[in-house]
Every structure is written in C-alpha cells, then in structure tokens.
C-alpha atoms as a PDB file:
ATOM      1  CA  MET A   1     -22.169 112.134 -42.452  1.00  0.00           C
ATOM      2  CA  PRO A   2     -25.914 111.691 -43.084  1.00  0.00           C
ATOM      3  CA  LEU A   3     -27.230 108.306 -44.105  1.00  0.00           C
ATOM      4  CA  PRO A   4     -28.311 107.891 -47.750  1.00  0.00           C
ATOM      5  CA  SER A   5     -32.013 108.597 -48.234  1.00  0.00           C
ATOM      6  CA  ILE A   6     -34.432 105.719 -48.890  1.00  0.00           C
ATOM      7  CA  PHE A   7     -37.688 105.510 -50.841  1.00  0.00           C
ATOM      8  CA  ILE A   8     -39.970 102.503 -50.287  1.00  0.00           C
ATOM      9  CA  ALA A   9     -42.626 101.532 -52.843  1.00  0.00           C
ATOM     10  CA  ALA A  10     -44.735  98.559 -51.751  1.00  0.00           C
ATOM     11  CA  LEU A  11     -48.248  97.752 -50.581  1.00  0.00           C
ATOM     12  CA  ASN A  12     -46.895  97.148 -47.090  1.00  0.00           C
ATOM     13  CA  ALA A  13     -44.521 100.123 -47.158  1.00  0.00           C
ATOM     14  CA  ASP A  14     -45.442 101.049 -43.597  1.00  0.00           C
ATOM     15  CA  ARG A  15     -44.154  97.711 -42.289  1.00  0.00           C
ATOM     16  CA  PHE A  16     -40.925  98.028 -44.285  1.00  0.00           C
ATOM     17  CA  ARG A  17     -40.484 101.556 -42.958  1.00  0.00           C
ATOM     18  CA  SER A  18     -41.052 100.456 -39.366  1.00  0.00           C
ATOM     19  CA  ILE A  19     -38.457  97.683 -39.546  1.00  0.00           C
ATOM     20  CA  ILE A  20     -35.844  99.789 -41.327  1.00  0.00           C
ATOM     21  CA  SER A  21     -36.365 102.822 -39.073  1.00  0.00           C
ATOM     22  CA  SER A  22     -35.993 100.700 -35.961  1.00  0.00           C
ATOM     23  CA  GLU A  23     -32.610  99.502 -37.216  1.00  0.00           C
ATOM     24  CA  LEU A  24     -31.243 102.758 -38.631  1.00  0.00           C
ATOM     25  CA  GLY A  25     -32.674 105.177 -36.071  1.00  0.00           C
ATOM     26  CA  VAL A  26     -34.238 108.606 -36.398  1.00  0.00           C
ATOM     27  CA  SER A  27     -31.400 109.960 -38.527  1.00  0.00           C
ATOM     28  CA  ALA A  28     -32.541 107.874 -41.503  1.00  0.00           C
ATOM     29  CA  ASP A  29     -34.440 109.845 -44.159  1.00  0.00           C
ATOM     30  CA  ILE A  30     -37.176 107.456 -45.323  1.00  0.00           C
ATOM     31  CA  ASN A  31     -40.071 108.226 -47.652  1.00  0.00           C
ATOM     32  CA  ASP A  32     -42.671 105.791 -48.988  1.00  0.00           C
ATOM     33  CA  ALA A  33     -45.647 105.059 -51.229  1.00  0.00           C
ATOM     34  CA  SER A  34     -48.095 102.233 -50.595  1.00  0.00           C
ATOM     35  CA  SER A  35     -49.726 102.147 -54.046  1.00  0.00           C
ATOM     36  CA  LYS A  36     -48.576 102.282 -57.645  1.00  0.00           C
ATOM     37  CA  GLU A  37     -50.573 105.484 -58.213  1.00  0.00           C
ATOM     38  CA  LEU A  38     -48.662 107.347 -55.481  1.00  0.00           C
ATOM     39  CA  VAL A  39     -45.122 106.408 -56.500  1.00  0.00           C
ATOM     40  CA  GLN A  40     -44.237 109.285 -58.837  1.00  0.00           C
ATOM     41  CA  GLN A  41     -45.925 111.837 -56.592  1.00  0.00           C
ATOM     42  CA  ALA A  42     -44.233 110.588 -53.410  1.00  0.00           C
ATOM     43  CA  TYR A  43     -40.712 110.124 -54.762  1.00  0.00           C
ATOM     44  CA  GLN A  44     -38.467 113.029 -53.724  1.00  0.00           C
ATOM     45  CA  GLY A  45     -35.193 112.146 -55.414  1.00  0.00           C
ATOM     46  CA  GLU A  46     -33.994 109.531 -52.920  1.00  0.00           C
ATOM     47  CA  GLU A  47     -30.828 107.751 -54.088  1.00  0.00           C
ATOM     48  CA  ILE A  48     -31.880 104.338 -52.765  1.00  0.00           C
ATOM     49  CA  VAL A  49     -35.174 102.671 -53.640  1.00  0.00           C
ATOM     50  CA  LEU A  50     -36.694  99.529 -52.140  1.00  0.00           C
ATOM     51  CA  GLY A  51     -39.811  98.267 -53.848  1.00  0.00           C
ATOM     52  CA  ARG A  52     -41.910  96.160 -56.161  1.00  0.00           C
ATOM     53  CA  PRO A  53     -40.657  96.140 -59.761  1.00  0.00           C
ATOM     54  CA  ASP A  54     -44.161  96.784 -61.128  1.00  0.00           C
ATOM     55  CA  PHE A  55     -44.491  99.850 -58.875  1.00  0.00           C
ATOM     56  CA  LEU A  56     -41.076 101.165 -59.894  1.00  0.00           C
ATOM     57  CA  ALA A  57     -41.307 100.740 -63.658  1.00  0.00           C
ATOM     58  CA  GLN A  58     -43.322 103.955 -64.027  1.00  0.00           C
ATOM     59  CA  LEU A  59     -40.827 105.791 -61.818  1.00  0.00           C
ATOM     60  CA  MET A  60     -38.100 104.892 -64.305  1.00  0.00           C
ATOM     61  CA  ASP A  61     -40.054 106.792 -66.962  1.00  0.00           C
ATOM     62  CA  THR A  62     -38.802 109.960 -65.252  1.00  0.00           C
ATOM     63  CA  ALA A  63     -35.093 108.900 -65.277  1.00  0.00           C
ATOM     64  CA  PRO A  64     -34.861 109.421 -61.499  1.00  0.00           C
ATOM     65  CA  PRO A  65     -31.542 110.157 -59.723  1.00  0.00           C
ATOM     66  CA  VAL A  66     -31.655 106.752 -58.053  1.00  0.00           C
ATOM     67  CA  ARG A  67     -28.334 104.929 -57.662  1.00  0.00           C
ATOM     68  CA  TRP A  68     -29.487 101.589 -56.246  1.00  0.00           C
ATOM     69  CA  VAL A  69     -32.789  99.715 -56.441  1.00  0.00           C
ATOM     70  CA  GLN A  70     -33.487  96.724 -54.202  1.00  0.00           C
ATOM     71  CA  SER A  71     -36.330  94.629 -55.567  1.00  0.00           C
ATOM     72  CA  THR A  72     -38.783  93.064 -53.129  1.00  0.00           C
ATOM     73  CA  TRP A  73     -39.555  90.357 -55.686  1.00  0.00           C
ATOM     74  CA  ALA A  74     -37.503  87.449 -56.985  1.00  0.00           C
ATOM     75  CA  GLY A  75     -38.633  88.383 -60.501  1.00  0.00           C
ATOM     76  CA  VAL A  76     -37.592  91.771 -61.879  1.00  0.00           C
ATOM     77  CA  THR A  77     -39.073  91.652 -65.388  1.00  0.00           C
ATOM     78  CA  PRO A  78     -40.771  95.122 -65.310  1.00  0.00           C
ATOM     79  CA  LEU A  79     -37.392  96.739 -64.610  1.00  0.00           C
ATOM     80  CA  ILE A  80     -35.400  94.522 -66.967  1.00  0.00           C
ATOM     81  CA  GLN A  81     -37.757  95.428 -69.810  1.00  0.00           C
ATOM     82  CA  HIS A  82     -37.603  99.172 -69.094  1.00  0.00           C
ATOM     83  CA  ALA A  83     -35.248 101.271 -71.201  1.00  0.00           C
ATOM     84  CA  TYR A  84     -33.841 103.213 -68.215  1.00  0.00           C
ATOM     85  CA  LYS A  85     -31.093 101.226 -66.493  1.00  0.00           C
ATOM     86  CA  ASP A  86     -28.734 103.860 -65.073  1.00  0.00           C
ATOM     87  CA  TYR A  87     -28.585 102.332 -61.576  1.00  0.00           C
ATOM     88  CA  VAL A  88     -27.586  99.149 -59.756  1.00  0.00           C
ATOM     89  CA  LEU A  89     -30.398  96.615 -59.372  1.00  0.00           C
ATOM     90  CA  THR A  90     -30.273  93.915 -56.712  1.00  0.00           C
ATOM     91  CA  GLY A  91     -32.587  90.942 -56.359  1.00  0.00           C
ATOM     92  CA  VAL A  92     -33.763  88.628 -53.622  1.00  0.00           C
ATOM     93  CA  LYS A  93     -31.837  85.446 -52.855  1.00  0.00           C
ATOM     94  CA  GLY A  94     -32.061  82.976 -50.000  1.00  0.00           C
ATOM     95  CA  ILE A  95     -35.501  84.230 -48.933  1.00  0.00           C
ATOM     96  CA  PHE A  96     -38.090  82.209 -50.837  1.00  0.00           C
ATOM     97  CA  GLY A  97     -36.636  78.703 -50.633  1.00  0.00           C
ATOM     98  CA  GLN A  98     -38.612  77.595 -47.584  1.00  0.00           C
ATOM     99  CA  GLN A  99     -41.942  78.912 -48.867  1.00  0.00           C
ATOM    100  CA  MET A 100     -41.418  77.433 -52.314  1.00  0.00           C
ATOM    101  CA  SER A 101     -40.352  74.077 -50.919  1.00  0.00           C
ATOM    102  CA  GLU A 102     -43.502  73.885 -48.811  1.00  0.00           C
ATOM    103  CA  TYR A 103     -45.687  74.777 -51.795  1.00  0.00           C
ATOM    104  CA  VAL A 104     -44.074  72.215 -54.086  1.00  0.00           C
ATOM    105  CA  LEU A 105     -44.144  69.449 -51.478  1.00  0.00           C
ATOM    106  CA  THR A 106     -47.794  70.206 -50.726  1.00  0.00           C
ATOM    107  CA  HIS A 107     -48.752  69.504 -54.318  1.00  0.00           C
ATOM    108  CA  LEU A 108     -46.404  66.574 -54.849  1.00  0.00           C
ATOM    109  CA  LEU A 109     -47.830  64.843 -51.778  1.00  0.00           C
ATOM    110  CA  ALA A 110     -51.400  65.677 -52.817  1.00  0.00           C
ATOM    111  CA  HIS A 111     -50.679  64.147 -56.219  1.00  0.00           C
ATOM    112  CA  GLU A 112     -49.195  60.952 -54.824  1.00  0.00           C
ATOM    113  CA  GLY A 113     -51.932  60.732 -52.178  1.00  0.00           C
ATOM    114  CA  ARG A 114     -54.607  61.073 -54.894  1.00  0.00           C
ATOM    115  CA  LEU A 115     -56.338  63.777 -52.859  1.00  0.00           C
ATOM    116  CA  ARG A 116     -58.263  65.187 -55.837  1.00  0.00           C
ATOM    117  CA  GLN A 117     -59.692  61.733 -56.642  1.00  0.00           C
ATOM    118  CA  ARG A 118     -60.434  60.977 -52.988  1.00  0.00           C
ATOM    119  CA  TRP A 119     -62.351  64.248 -52.657  1.00  0.00           C
ATOM    120  CA  GLN A 120     -64.385  63.323 -55.710  1.00  0.00           C
ATOM    121  CA  SER A 121     -65.064  59.893 -54.196  1.00  0.00           C
ATOM    122  CA  GLN A 122     -66.165  61.497 -50.941  1.00  0.00           C
ATOM    123  CA  GLN A 123     -68.563  63.823 -52.765  1.00  0.00           C
ATOM    124  CA  SER A 124     -70.113  60.749 -54.400  1.00  0.00           C
ATOM    125  CA  GLY A 125     -70.290  58.789 -51.152  1.00  0.00           C
ATOM    126  CA  LEU A 126     -67.770  56.221 -52.387  1.00  0.00           C
ATOM    127  CA  TRP A 127     -65.304  54.383 -50.165  1.00  0.00           C
ATOM    128  CA  ASP A 128     -61.888  55.029 -51.761  1.00  0.00           C
ATOM    129  CA  ASN A 129     -59.202  52.633 -50.585  1.00  0.00           C
ATOM    130  CA  ARG A 130     -56.818  52.944 -53.525  1.00  0.00           C
ATOM    131  CA  VAL A 131     -53.197  52.799 -52.394  1.00  0.00           C
ATOM    132  CA  SER A 132     -51.309  56.109 -52.437  1.00  0.00           C
ATOM    133  CA  GLY A 133     -48.114  56.622 -54.387  1.00  0.00           C
ATOM    134  CA  SER A 134     -44.787  57.676 -52.872  1.00  0.00           C
ATOM    135  CA  LEU A 135     -42.223  60.382 -53.510  1.00  0.00           C
ATOM    136  CA  CYS A 136     -39.388  57.963 -52.801  1.00  0.00           C
ATOM    137  CA  ASP A 137     -37.275  57.135 -55.873  1.00  0.00           C
ATOM    138  CA  LYS A 138     -39.268  59.515 -58.097  1.00  0.00           C
ATOM    139  CA  THR A 139     -37.482  62.125 -60.236  1.00  0.00           C
ATOM    140  CA  LEU A 140     -38.221  65.827 -59.916  1.00  0.00           C
ATOM    141  CA  GLY A 141     -36.938  67.821 -62.887  1.00  0.00           C
ATOM    142  CA  ILE A 142     -36.424  71.448 -61.872  1.00  0.00           C
ATOM    143  CA  MET A 143     -36.226  74.069 -64.605  1.00  0.00           C
ATOM    144  CA  GLY A 144     -33.960  76.621 -62.948  1.00  0.00           C
ATOM    145  CA  THR A 145     -31.039  75.755 -60.666  1.00  0.00           C
ATOM    146  CA  GLY A 146     -30.715  79.046 -58.786  1.00  0.00           C
ATOM    147  CA  SER A 147     -31.089  79.528 -55.041  1.00  0.00           C
ATOM    148  CA  ILE A 148     -34.807  78.679 -55.002  1.00  0.00           C
ATOM    149  CA  GLY A 149     -34.411  75.626 -57.210  1.00  0.00           C
ATOM    150  CA  ALA A 150     -31.541  74.368 -55.077  1.00  0.00           C
ATOM    151  CA  ALA A 151     -33.567  74.844 -51.886  1.00  0.00           C
ATOM    152  CA  VAL A 152     -36.497  72.885 -53.332  1.00  0.00           C
ATOM    153  CA  ALA A 153     -34.134  70.135 -54.505  1.00  0.00           C
ATOM    154  CA  GLU A 154     -32.590  69.795 -51.066  1.00  0.00           C
ATOM    155  CA  SER A 155     -35.991  69.657 -49.359  1.00  0.00           C
ATOM    156  CA  CYS A 156     -37.321  67.016 -51.753  1.00  0.00           C
ATOM    157  CA  ALA A 157     -34.130  64.965 -51.642  1.00  0.00           C
ATOM    158  CA  ALA A 158     -34.686  64.523 -47.901  1.00  0.00           C
ATOM    159  CA  LEU A 159     -37.819  62.521 -48.805  1.00  0.00           C
ATOM    160  CA  GLY A 160     -36.012  60.295 -51.261  1.00  0.00           C
ATOM    161  CA  VAL A 161     -36.690  62.272 -54.427  1.00  0.00           C
ATOM    162  CA  ARG A 162     -34.027  62.256 -57.140  1.00  0.00           C
ATOM    163  CA  CYS A 163     -33.617  65.840 -58.378  1.00  0.00           C
ATOM    164  CA  THR A 164     -32.358  66.873 -61.799  1.00  0.00           C
ATOM    165  CA  GLY A 165     -31.995  70.386 -63.138  1.00  0.00           C
ATOM    166  CA  LEU A 166     -32.174  72.378 -66.357  1.00  0.00           C
ATOM    167  CA  ASN A 167     -30.265  75.635 -66.724  1.00  0.00           C
ATOM    168  CA  SER A 168     -28.865  77.862 -69.457  1.00  0.00           C
ATOM    169  CA  SER A 169     -25.418  76.227 -69.479  1.00  0.00           C
ATOM    170  CA  GLY A 170     -25.884  72.642 -68.333  1.00  0.00           C
ATOM    171  CA  ARG A 171     -23.353  73.403 -65.588  1.00  0.00           C
ATOM    172  CA  SER A 172     -23.502  70.938 -62.704  1.00  0.00           C
ATOM    173  CA  HIS A 173     -24.771  71.920 -59.266  1.00  0.00           C
ATOM    174  CA  ALA A 174     -24.280  70.125 -55.965  1.00  0.00           C
ATOM    175  CA  ALA A 175     -28.019  70.070 -55.199  1.00  0.00           C
ATOM    176  CA  PHE A 176     -28.847  68.169 -58.397  1.00  0.00           C
ATOM    177  CA  GLN A 177     -27.886  64.651 -59.406  1.00  0.00           C
ATOM    178  CA  GLN A 178     -27.798  65.676 -63.052  1.00  0.00           C
ATOM    179  CA  VAL A 179     -28.120  68.988 -64.888  1.00  0.00           C
ATOM    180  CA  PHE A 180     -29.290  69.369 -68.484  1.00  0.00           C
ATOM    181  CA  ALA A 181     -28.636  72.172 -70.987  1.00  0.00           C
ATOM    182  CA  PRO A 182     -31.462  73.783 -73.055  1.00  0.00           C
ATOM    183  CA  GLY A 183     -30.616  71.580 -76.029  1.00  0.00           C
ATOM    184  CA  GLU A 184     -31.355  68.558 -73.850  1.00  0.00           C
ATOM    185  CA  LEU A 185     -34.879  69.628 -72.897  1.00  0.00           C
ATOM    186  CA  THR A 186     -36.513  66.520 -74.388  1.00  0.00           C
ATOM    187  CA  GLU A 187     -34.238  64.170 -72.442  1.00  0.00           C
ATOM    188  CA  PHE A 188     -34.804  66.229 -69.284  1.00  0.00           C
ATOM    189  CA  LEU A 189     -38.600  65.962 -69.637  1.00  0.00           C
ATOM    190  CA  GLN A 190     -38.576  62.271 -70.529  1.00  0.00           C
ATOM    191  CA  ASP A 191     -36.618  61.521 -67.356  1.00  0.00           C
ATOM    192  CA  ALA A 192     -38.944  63.325 -64.908  1.00  0.00           C
ATOM    193  CA  ASP A 193     -41.930  62.100 -62.921  1.00  0.00           C
ATOM    194  CA  TYR A 194     -42.562  65.687 -61.867  1.00  0.00           C
ATOM    195  CA  VAL A 195     -41.546  68.855 -63.743  1.00  0.00           C
ATOM    196  CA  LEU A 196     -41.145  72.118 -61.826  1.00  0.00           C
ATOM    197  CA  GLY A 197     -40.881  75.476 -63.619  1.00  0.00           C
ATOM    198  CA  LEU A 198     -38.752  78.081 -61.843  1.00  0.00           C
ATOM    199  CA  LEU A 199     -37.351  80.017 -64.789  1.00  0.00           C
ATOM    200  CA  PRO A 200     -37.317  83.826 -65.171  1.00  0.00           C
ATOM    201  CA  ASP A 201     -39.303  85.643 -67.858  1.00  0.00           C
ATOM    202  CA  LEU A 202     -36.858  85.855 -70.755  1.00  0.00           C
ATOM    203  CA  PRO A 203     -37.162  85.472 -74.533  1.00  0.00           C
ATOM    204  CA  SER A 204     -35.190  82.227 -74.243  1.00  0.00           C
ATOM    205  CA  THR A 205     -37.670  80.743 -71.738  1.00  0.00           C
ATOM    206  CA  THR A 206     -40.881  81.781 -73.493  1.00  0.00           C
ATOM    207  CA  GLY A 207     -42.995  78.857 -74.675  1.00  0.00           C
ATOM    208  CA  LEU A 208     -40.484  76.162 -73.700  1.00  0.00           C
ATOM    209  CA  LEU A 209     -43.334  73.997 -72.443  1.00  0.00           C
ATOM    210  CA  ASN A 210     -45.444  73.572 -75.554  1.00  0.00           C
ATOM    211  CA  ALA A 211     -47.246  70.725 -77.329  1.00  0.00           C
ATOM    212  CA  ARG A 212     -43.976  69.080 -78.295  1.00  0.00           C
ATOM    213  CA  ALA A 213     -42.716  69.260 -74.726  1.00  0.00           C
ATOM    214  CA  PHE A 214     -45.905  67.732 -73.328  1.00  0.00           C
ATOM    215  CA  GLU A 215     -45.558  64.878 -75.829  1.00  0.00           C
ATOM    216  CA  SER A 216     -42.107  64.231 -74.360  1.00  0.00           C
ATOM    217  CA  MET A 217     -43.304  64.004 -70.770  1.00  0.00           C
ATOM    218  CA  LYS A 218     -44.417  60.830 -69.055  1.00  0.00           C
ATOM    219  CA  LYS A 219     -48.152  60.084 -69.185  1.00  0.00           C
ATOM    220  CA  ASP A 220     -48.287  60.065 -65.380  1.00  0.00           C
ATOM    221  CA  ALA A 221     -46.146  63.198 -64.947  1.00  0.00           C
ATOM    222  CA  LEU A 222     -47.203  66.194 -62.874  1.00  0.00           C
ATOM    223  CA  LEU A 223     -46.273  69.722 -63.989  1.00  0.00           C
ATOM    224  CA  ILE A 224     -45.895  72.547 -61.464  1.00  0.00           C
ATOM    225  CA  ASN A 225     -45.100  76.094 -62.601  1.00  0.00           C
ATOM    226  CA  VAL A 226     -44.174  78.678 -59.980  1.00  0.00           C
ATOM    227  CA  GLY A 227     -41.602  80.701 -61.945  1.00  0.00           C
ATOM    228  CA  ARG A 228     -43.161  82.857 -64.653  1.00  0.00           C
ATOM    229  CA  GLY A 229     -46.214  82.351 -66.845  1.00  0.00           C
ATOM    230  CA  ASN A 230     -44.354  82.860 -70.133  1.00  0.00           C
ATOM    231  CA  LEU A 231     -42.841  79.363 -69.790  1.00  0.00           C
ATOM    232  CA  ILE A 232     -46.042  77.579 -70.837  1.00  0.00           C
ATOM    233  CA  VAL A 233     -48.109  77.747 -74.008  1.00  0.00           C
ATOM    234  CA  GLU A 234     -51.396  77.693 -72.121  1.00  0.00           C
ATOM    235  CA  ASP A 235     -53.599  76.419 -74.960  1.00  0.00           C
ATOM    236  CA  ASP A 236     -51.185  73.523 -75.496  1.00  0.00           C
ATOM    237  CA  LEU A 237     -51.355  72.658 -71.801  1.00  0.00           C
ATOM    238  CA  VAL A 238     -55.164  72.641 -71.828  1.00  0.00           C
ATOM    239  CA  LEU A 239     -55.114  70.238 -74.778  1.00  0.00           C
ATOM    240  CA  ALA A 240     -52.478  68.043 -73.130  1.00  0.00           C
ATOM    241  CA  LEU A 241     -54.646  67.736 -70.014  1.00  0.00           C
ATOM    242  CA  LYS A 242     -57.816  67.050 -71.990  1.00  0.00           C
ATOM    243  CA  THR A 243     -56.087  64.311 -74.013  1.00  0.00           C
ATOM    244  CA  GLN A 244     -54.265  62.949 -70.939  1.00  0.00           C
ATOM    245  CA  LYS A 245     -50.799  63.522 -72.348  1.00  0.00           C
ATOM    246  CA  ILE A 246     -49.794  64.252 -68.747  1.00  0.00           C
ATOM    247  CA  ALA A 247     -51.484  63.363 -65.463  1.00  0.00           C
ATOM    248  CA  GLY A 248     -51.998  66.841 -64.089  1.00  0.00           C
ATOM    249  CA  ALA A 249     -50.689  70.338 -63.515  1.00  0.00           C
ATOM    250  CA  VAL A 250     -50.435  72.971 -60.804  1.00  0.00           C
ATOM    251  CA  LEU A 251     -50.110  76.595 -61.913  1.00  0.00           C
ATOM    252  CA  ASP A 252     -49.346  79.551 -59.662  1.00  0.00           C
ATOM    253  CA  VAL A 253     -48.227  81.950 -62.424  1.00  0.00           C
ATOM    254  CA  PHE A 254     -49.838  82.887 -65.724  1.00  0.00           C
ATOM    255  CA  GLN A 255     -49.287  84.906 -68.878  1.00  0.00           C
ATOM    256  CA  GLN A 256     -51.944  87.341 -67.659  1.00  0.00           C
ATOM    257  CA  GLU A 257     -52.649  87.949 -63.978  1.00  0.00           C
ATOM    258  CA  PRO A 258     -55.211  87.864 -62.544  1.00  0.00           C
ATOM    259  CA  LEU A 259     -56.207  84.970 -64.798  1.00  0.00           C
ATOM    260  CA  PRO A 260     -59.148  86.174 -66.956  1.00  0.00           C
ATOM    261  CA  ALA A 261     -62.523  84.591 -66.221  1.00  0.00           C
ATOM    262  CA  GLU A 262     -62.784  83.429 -69.825  1.00  0.00           C
ATOM    263  CA  SER A 263     -59.498  81.495 -69.732  1.00  0.00           C
ATOM    264  CA  ALA A 264     -59.801  77.830 -70.734  1.00  0.00           C
ATOM    265  CA  LEU A 265     -57.469  76.970 -67.863  1.00  0.00           C
ATOM    266  CA  TRP A 266     -60.278  77.344 -65.311  1.00  0.00           C
ATOM    267  CA  SER A 267     -62.112  74.321 -66.679  1.00  0.00           C
ATOM    268  CA  ALA A 268     -59.147  72.194 -67.730  1.00  0.00           C
ATOM    269  CA  PRO A 269     -59.213  68.718 -66.139  1.00  0.00           C
ATOM    270  CA  ASP A 270     -56.713  67.750 -63.429  1.00  0.00           C
ATOM    271  CA  LEU A 271     -55.463  71.318 -63.083  1.00  0.00           C
ATOM    272  CA  THR A 272     -54.984  73.180 -59.796  1.00  0.00           C
ATOM    273  CA  ILE A 273     -54.836  76.976 -59.942  1.00  0.00           C
ATOM    274  CA  THR A 274     -53.464  79.236 -57.213  1.00  0.00           C
ATOM    275  CA  GLY A 275     -53.124  83.020 -57.364  1.00  0.00           C
ATOM    276  CA  HIS A 276     -49.369  83.678 -57.395  1.00  0.00           C
ATOM    277  CA  ILE A 277     -48.956  82.810 -53.718  1.00  0.00           C
ATOM    278  CA  SER A 278     -46.270  80.118 -53.800  1.00  0.00           C
ATOM    279  CA  ALA A 279     -43.697  82.531 -52.354  1.00  0.00           C
ATOM    280  CA  VAL A 280     -44.697  85.985 -51.159  1.00  0.00           C
ATOM    281  CA  SER A 281     -42.486  88.943 -50.256  1.00  0.00           C
ATOM    282  CA  ARG A 282     -42.727  89.289 -46.485  1.00  0.00           C
ATOM    283  CA  PRO A 283     -41.329  92.580 -45.164  1.00  0.00           C
ATOM    284  CA  ASP A 284     -39.652  90.943 -42.188  1.00  0.00           C
ATOM    285  CA  ASP A 285     -37.621  88.753 -44.560  1.00  0.00           C
ATOM    286  CA  ILE A 286     -36.898  91.287 -47.301  1.00  0.00           C
ATOM    287  CA  ALA A 287     -36.011  94.143 -44.929  1.00  0.00           C
ATOM    288  CA  GLY A 288     -33.211  92.085 -43.376  1.00  0.00           C
ATOM    289  CA  LEU A 289     -31.658  91.513 -46.778  1.00  0.00           C
ATOM    290  CA  PHE A 290     -32.067  95.186 -47.661  1.00  0.00           C
ATOM    291  CA  LEU A 291     -30.387  96.316 -44.445  1.00  0.00           C
ATOM    292  CA  GLN A 292     -27.460  93.996 -45.098  1.00  0.00           C
ATOM    293  CA  ASN A 293     -27.002  95.540 -48.530  1.00  0.00           C
ATOM    294  CA  TYR A 294     -27.604  99.057 -47.171  1.00  0.00           C
ATOM    295  CA  GLU A 295     -24.672  98.614 -44.809  1.00  0.00           C
ATOM    296  CA  ARG A 296     -22.524  97.453 -47.710  1.00  0.00           C
ATOM    297  CA  TYR A 297     -23.664 100.411 -49.819  1.00  0.00           C
ATOM    298  CA  CYS A 298     -22.763 102.897 -47.087  1.00  0.00           C
ATOM    299  CA  SER A 299     -19.307 101.364 -46.676  1.00  0.00           C
ATOM    300  CA  GLY A 300     -18.589 101.218 -50.404  1.00  0.00           C
ATOM    301  CA  GLN A 301     -18.678  97.427 -50.657  1.00  0.00           C
ATOM    302  CA  ALA A 302     -20.093  95.475 -53.592  1.00  0.00           C
ATOM    303  CA  LEU A 303     -23.808  94.764 -53.179  1.00  0.00           C
ATOM    304  CA  LEU A 304     -25.166  91.248 -52.839  1.00  0.00           C
ATOM    305  CA  HIS A 305     -27.362  89.640 -55.525  1.00  0.00           C
ATOM    306  CA  THR A 306     -26.732  92.199 -58.273  1.00  0.00           C
ATOM    307  CA  ILE A 307     -28.901  91.674 -61.351  1.00  0.00           C
ATOM    308  CA  ASP A 308     -27.298  91.533 -64.808  1.00  0.00           C
ATOM    309  CA  PHE A 309     -29.601  93.612 -67.029  1.00  0.00           C
ATOM    310  CA  ASP A 310     -28.410  91.794 -70.142  1.00  0.00           C
ATOM    311  CA  LYS A 311     -29.082  88.325 -68.743  1.00  0.00           C
ATOM    312  CA  GLY A 312     -32.272  89.339 -66.946  1.00  0.00           C
ATOM    313  CA  TYR A 313     -31.322  87.709 -63.632  1.00  0.00           C
END
C-alpha cells in the first residue's frame, strides 16, 4: 500500500524534504513549495500538508482535498481565521520550550543586571558599580500555562523564581505555584515582578494589557511578550513606559510585523525590540514531530496536538 502523499510549504522546504525522505525512503511521494507565491501552483492534491500557516491560508481558498495539516508554527491564527476547516489541524508542542526559556532568561538576567544602564554608563565613560538585582524570590507571572509556559516556569524555578500562571479557566498546573483566571487579571499583575505574555491570538486575549493593566503592575515590573502582538495595546504601553508606570518591556511580537518604521515603539524608553525570533521553527525539530504523527496517521491512530478550531488552540 503506497504511503500517503505529502506537500511541504515552508521557506526551508528543501531541508524538511531531505529529513522526511531519509526516514520514509524513496517510496514517499513528497512535493514542496519554498515561497508563499508558489504554494497554489505547486500543490498537486496531496492529502497531507506540512507548512507555515501564513503560507497555507491562501491554499485553503481553493478548498483543497487535504485531510491533515501539520503546522510548523506554534501559532495557527491564519488557519483558525480561515473559513475552510474541512481537515484535521495539528500544532507544535514540546519543541519551543528550550528556546523560549533561553530568551526569557536572557532578558530577565539583563534586567536584573542593569545591562542597559551599564551600557549607557560605558558610553559616557562612567564607572558603574551599582549592585545588580537577583532573580531569586522574584515572581514571574506567565500569561499562558501550556507546554511553552510550563517549560519556561520550570527553567526559571531552577533559579529560585516563583512562577504563577494565568489561563482561561484558572485550573491549577504543577509547574505553577498559583494559577489565576481571566477575572483575576488585576491580582495576577499586582503579584508579579515580571509579566510574560504567551497567549494565542484570540478575541478574548486582544488588548488584555492596556492602560488599566499597566496601572495594576508594579512600578519596577518588567513586561516580556513573546506570544502574539494582539495582547498589548501598543499606544498604552508607550505611554506607560514614558510615564514610568512600569520599569521596562521586551517585545518580540507585534500587531503588525515587520514593525513599521513610524511606530512609536521604536523610540519608547526602556523598551527592547526583537524581530519575532524568541522561538523559531527549526526543520530538524519539527520534522521529528511530523514523522511521529505521520506514523500515527498511517496506522489510523489519533494524531498528537490536535487544534480545536473553536478554541483556537
């Protein structure tokens, strides 16, 4: 019996194809497209698709005969928002925790070590011997208690950080010392020395961090957002930084990407901007997950990490 055909849509499609072909052998029918513009032209009716949600959204315009789509991203908003949903969609779990933990810890340590201020002192030829802060006994409030949030919590806890969580139900989680429900957002923010955004792009998460939220945060709090840009009202954040409502922010995701040159965020004080690089989809990691699910698909087993279209995750 021939193996189910596969279509790959990603910038690094050649690397995905190489890894998958080496595992499945020459009998595997694999087709690919390495740019968004080539997707509709290259797709030949394959029943399984592996790819970037933004590449695949236009393919769904054609109501393709696809039965299963494996996203290469943790976020699947372009597919969730598309009207065509006659297929099984699976996400990425257990892949990005290490990368995200390293990113978050980098910026937490830079904040406590006052690296921004020390660089400014160095540029002015000033000897800066101010004592650094410590992560120990600080509270990291993580908005999103999924696999990535739990991985970050476990990494930070090893350095003495107390980790709390916020999720849609308030349901407890072993990785967090306390979990808050959406109605307890103010208490969650008031409790945290650092606030980390890891929430998906949903109507219920849009604009959660606004002027009122920044008023609730500690004056010396650091905000890090690596989930989705819809979480933050950007103008409110700029004002909060200018008026020192919070100590600083690190943003890796934005409402519009790339961030427009005219955005007020570029010149906001005590703000670090990175270009959506906190956790990238590496073919060697994603292909292993895909192959695990491919084996399950071929044997009629339930797929891992199925996305609920209604919930959006």
